[in-house]
Amino acid sequence: MPWIDELTAAVRGRQVTRLRYLRNPDSTGPRTIQPHALFQTSTGELRLDAIQLDGPSSEPTFPAWRSFDLTYIADLELLPETFDCDPSFNPENPHKYRRMVTRCGEP
């Protein structure tokens, strides 16, 4: 799966990240995110939970939580800025995080 090593590093290192998300052809511009969790869904898909800071989105409010399917991520770039894990992030949520790959602040 593409980007797993880079996303793992970004999540663990709390690095602000820029990516393009190709799920919707009308909104493929760059997005800046704070990646908090890389996890597997109950159907086995890998997802990234992040706070989106800017860029195209169906929801125009920023910052906001977004979930990204890794198969639609392109042009990933880890930026030098870091962030603190958001206090609203709950890695213990068993309904969402069936199998956590890595999470914000994990060594």
C-alpha atoms as a PDB file:
ATOM      1  CA  MET A   1       0.000   0.000   0.000  1.00  0.00           C
ATOM      2  CA  PRO A   2       1.484   3.360  -0.976  1.00  0.00           C
ATOM      3  CA  TRP A   3       2.380   5.970   1.623  1.00  0.00           C
ATOM      4  CA  ILE A   4       2.241   3.697   4.703  1.00  0.00           C
ATOM      5  CA  ASP A   5       5.821   4.414   5.799  1.00  0.00           C
ATOM      6  CA  GLU A   6       5.492   8.147   5.201  1.00  0.00           C
ATOM      7  CA  LEU A   7       2.113   8.389   6.948  1.00  0.00           C
ATOM      8  CA  THR A   8       3.357   6.321   9.892  1.00  0.00           C
ATOM      9  CA  ALA A   9       6.275   8.744  10.289  1.00  0.00           C
ATOM     10  CA  ALA A  10       3.964  11.766   9.977  1.00  0.00           C
ATOM     11  CA  VAL A  11       1.492  10.453  12.569  1.00  0.00           C
ATOM     12  CA  ARG A  12       4.155   9.393  15.078  1.00  0.00           C
ATOM     13  CA  GLY A  13       6.213  12.549  14.571  1.00  0.00           C
ATOM     14  CA  ARG A  14       3.132  14.809  14.631  1.00  0.00           C
ATOM     15  CA  GLN A  15       4.240  16.399  11.362  1.00  0.00           C
ATOM     16  CA  VAL A  16       1.952  18.670   9.404  1.00  0.00           C
ATOM     17  CA  THR A  17       1.472  17.053   6.002  1.00  0.00           C
ATOM     18  CA  ARG A  18       0.368  18.183   2.548  1.00  0.00           C
ATOM     19  CA  LEU A  19      -1.369  15.822   0.142  1.00  0.00           C
ATOM     20  CA  ARG A  20      -3.722  15.659  -2.779  1.00  0.00           C
ATOM     21  CA  TYR A  21      -6.842  13.530  -2.368  1.00  0.00           C
ATOM     22  CA  LEU A  22      -8.185  12.139  -5.636  1.00  0.00           C
ATOM     23  CA  ARG A  23     -11.528  10.702  -4.539  1.00  0.00           C
ATOM     24  CA  ASN A  24     -13.541  13.548  -6.081  1.00  0.00           C
ATOM     25  CA  PRO A  25     -12.190  14.821  -9.449  1.00  0.00           C
ATOM     26  CA  ASP A  26     -13.562  18.298  -8.705  1.00  0.00           C
ATOM     27  CA  SER A  27     -11.475  18.761  -5.550  1.00  0.00           C
ATOM     28  CA  THR A  28      -7.968  17.405  -6.094  1.00  0.00           C
ATOM     29  CA  GLY A  29      -5.997  20.459  -4.981  1.00  0.00           C
ATOM     30  CA  PRO A  30      -3.499  20.297  -2.122  1.00  0.00           C
ATOM     31  CA  ARG A  31      -4.773  19.875   1.436  1.00  0.00           C
ATOM     32  CA  THR A  32      -2.815  20.574   4.584  1.00  0.00           C
ATOM     33  CA  ILE A  33      -3.509  18.175   7.447  1.00  0.00           C
ATOM     34  CA  GLN A  34      -2.459  17.168  10.940  1.00  0.00           C
ATOM     35  CA  PRO A  35      -2.452  13.336  10.771  1.00  0.00           C
ATOM     36  CA  HIS A  36      -3.620  11.711  14.022  1.00  0.00           C
ATOM     37  CA  ALA A  37      -4.326   8.025  13.296  1.00  0.00           C
ATOM     38  CA  LEU A  38      -3.590   5.364  10.729  1.00  0.00           C
ATOM     39  CA  PHE A  39      -6.036   2.504  11.206  1.00  0.00           C
ATOM     40  CA  GLN A  40      -7.811  -0.422   9.592  1.00  0.00           C
ATOM     41  CA  THR A  41     -11.603  -0.399   9.247  1.00  0.00           C
ATOM     42  CA  SER A  42     -13.829  -3.369  10.037  1.00  0.00           C
ATOM     43  CA  THR A  43     -13.805  -4.161   6.294  1.00  0.00           C
ATOM     44  CA  GLY A  44      -9.992  -4.177   6.183  1.00  0.00           C
ATOM     45  CA  GLU A  45      -9.431  -0.819   4.461  1.00  0.00           C
ATOM     46  CA  LEU A  46      -6.621   1.427   5.638  1.00  0.00           C
ATOM     47  CA  ARG A  47      -7.688   4.929   6.623  1.00  0.00           C
ATOM     48  CA  LEU A  48      -6.062   8.073   7.920  1.00  0.00           C
ATOM     49  CA  ASP A  49      -7.832  10.307  10.432  1.00  0.00           C
ATOM     50  CA  ALA A  50      -6.562  13.871  10.357  1.00  0.00           C
ATOM     51  CA  ILE A  51      -7.495  17.426  11.050  1.00  0.00           C
ATOM     52  CA  GLN A  52      -7.696  19.237   7.727  1.00  0.00           C
ATOM     53  CA  LEU A  53      -6.433  22.802   7.948  1.00  0.00           C
ATOM     54  CA  ASP A  54      -7.063  23.992   4.386  1.00  0.00           C
ATOM     55  CA  GLY A  55      -7.663  22.920   0.811  1.00  0.00           C
ATOM     56  CA  PRO A  56     -10.645  21.529  -1.081  1.00  0.00           C
ATOM     57  CA  SER A  57     -13.395  19.817   0.874  1.00  0.00           C
ATOM     58  CA  SER A  58     -17.112  19.155   0.695  1.00  0.00           C
ATOM     59  CA  GLU A  59     -17.277  20.725   4.166  1.00  0.00           C
ATOM     60  CA  PRO A  60     -15.948  24.315   4.011  1.00  0.00           C
ATOM     61  CA  THR A  61     -15.258  24.623   7.751  1.00  0.00           C
ATOM     62  CA  PHE A  62     -11.627  24.485   8.894  1.00  0.00           C
ATOM     63  CA  PRO A  63     -10.008  23.077  10.907  1.00  0.00           C
ATOM     64  CA  ALA A  64     -12.092  19.901  10.806  1.00  0.00           C
ATOM     65  CA  TRP A  65     -11.707  16.160  11.287  1.00  0.00           C
ATOM     66  CA  ARG A  66     -11.532  14.160   8.047  1.00  0.00           C
ATOM     67  CA  SER A  67     -11.027  10.488   7.272  1.00  0.00           C
ATOM     68  CA  PHE A  68      -8.960   9.646   4.171  1.00  0.00           C
ATOM     69  CA  ASP A  69      -8.918   6.378   2.208  1.00  0.00           C
ATOM     70  CA  LEU A  70      -5.229   5.723   1.461  1.00  0.00           C
ATOM     71  CA  THR A  71      -5.938   4.530  -2.079  1.00  0.00           C
ATOM     72  CA  TYR A  72      -6.900   8.099  -3.083  1.00  0.00           C
ATOM     73  CA  ILE A  73      -3.861   9.887  -1.601  1.00  0.00           C
ATOM     74  CA  ALA A  74      -1.295  11.370  -3.986  1.00  0.00           C
ATOM     75  CA  ASP A  75       1.709  13.700  -3.781  1.00  0.00           C
ATOM     76  CA  LEU A  76       2.308  13.309  -0.063  1.00  0.00           C
ATOM     77  CA  GLU A  77       4.772  15.733   1.543  1.00  0.00           C
ATOM     78  CA  LEU A  78       5.770  15.886   5.213  1.00  0.00           C
ATOM     79  CA  LEU A  79       6.279  19.505   6.223  1.00  0.00           C
ATOM     80  CA  PRO A  80       8.753  20.718   8.867  1.00  0.00           C
ATOM     81  CA  GLU A  81       6.014  22.033  11.191  1.00  0.00           C
ATOM     82  CA  THR A  82       4.767  19.848  14.040  1.00  0.00           C
ATOM     83  CA  PHE A  83       1.536  19.943  16.052  1.00  0.00           C
ATOM     84  CA  ASP A  84       0.157  18.813  19.398  1.00  0.00           C
ATOM     85  CA  CYS A  85      -2.312  15.933  19.416  1.00  0.00           C
ATOM     86  CA  ASP A  86      -5.807  17.391  19.476  1.00  0.00           C
ATOM     87  CA  PRO A  87      -7.515  16.907  22.866  1.00  0.00           C
ATOM     88  CA  SER A  88     -10.675  15.673  21.108  1.00  0.00           C
ATOM     89  CA  PHE A  89      -8.787  12.723  19.572  1.00  0.00           C
ATOM     90  CA  ASN A  90      -9.899   9.469  21.243  1.00  0.00           C
ATOM     91  CA  PRO A  91      -7.729   6.527  20.133  1.00  0.00           C
ATOM     92  CA  GLU A  92      -9.664   4.236  22.493  1.00  0.00           C
ATOM     93  CA  ASN A  93     -12.899   4.509  20.461  1.00  0.00           C
ATOM     94  CA  PRO A  94     -13.642   0.815  19.718  1.00  0.00           C
ATOM     95  CA  HIS A  95     -16.408   1.646  17.238  1.00  0.00           C
ATOM     96  CA  LYS A  96     -14.075   3.554  14.959  1.00  0.00           C
ATOM     97  CA  TYR A  97     -10.621   2.135  15.560  1.00  0.00           C
ATOM     98  CA  ARG A  98     -10.935  -1.633  15.192  1.00  0.00           C
ATOM     99  CA  ARG A  99      -7.213  -2.067  14.523  1.00  0.00           C
ATOM    100  CA  MET A 100      -4.911   0.864  15.141  1.00  0.00           C
ATOM    101  CA  VAL A 101      -1.742   0.875  13.019  1.00  0.00           C
ATOM    102  CA  THR A 102      -0.313   3.976  14.692  1.00  0.00           C
ATOM    103  CA  ARG A 103      -1.608   7.057  16.432  1.00  0.00           C
ATOM    104  CA  CYS A 104      -0.596  10.593  17.280  1.00  0.00           C
ATOM    105  CA  GLY A 105       2.322  10.766  19.690  1.00  0.00           C
ATOM    106  CA  GLU A 106       2.987   7.022  19.709  1.00  0.00           C
ATOM    107  CA  PRO A 107       6.731   6.283  19.940  1.00  0.00           C
END
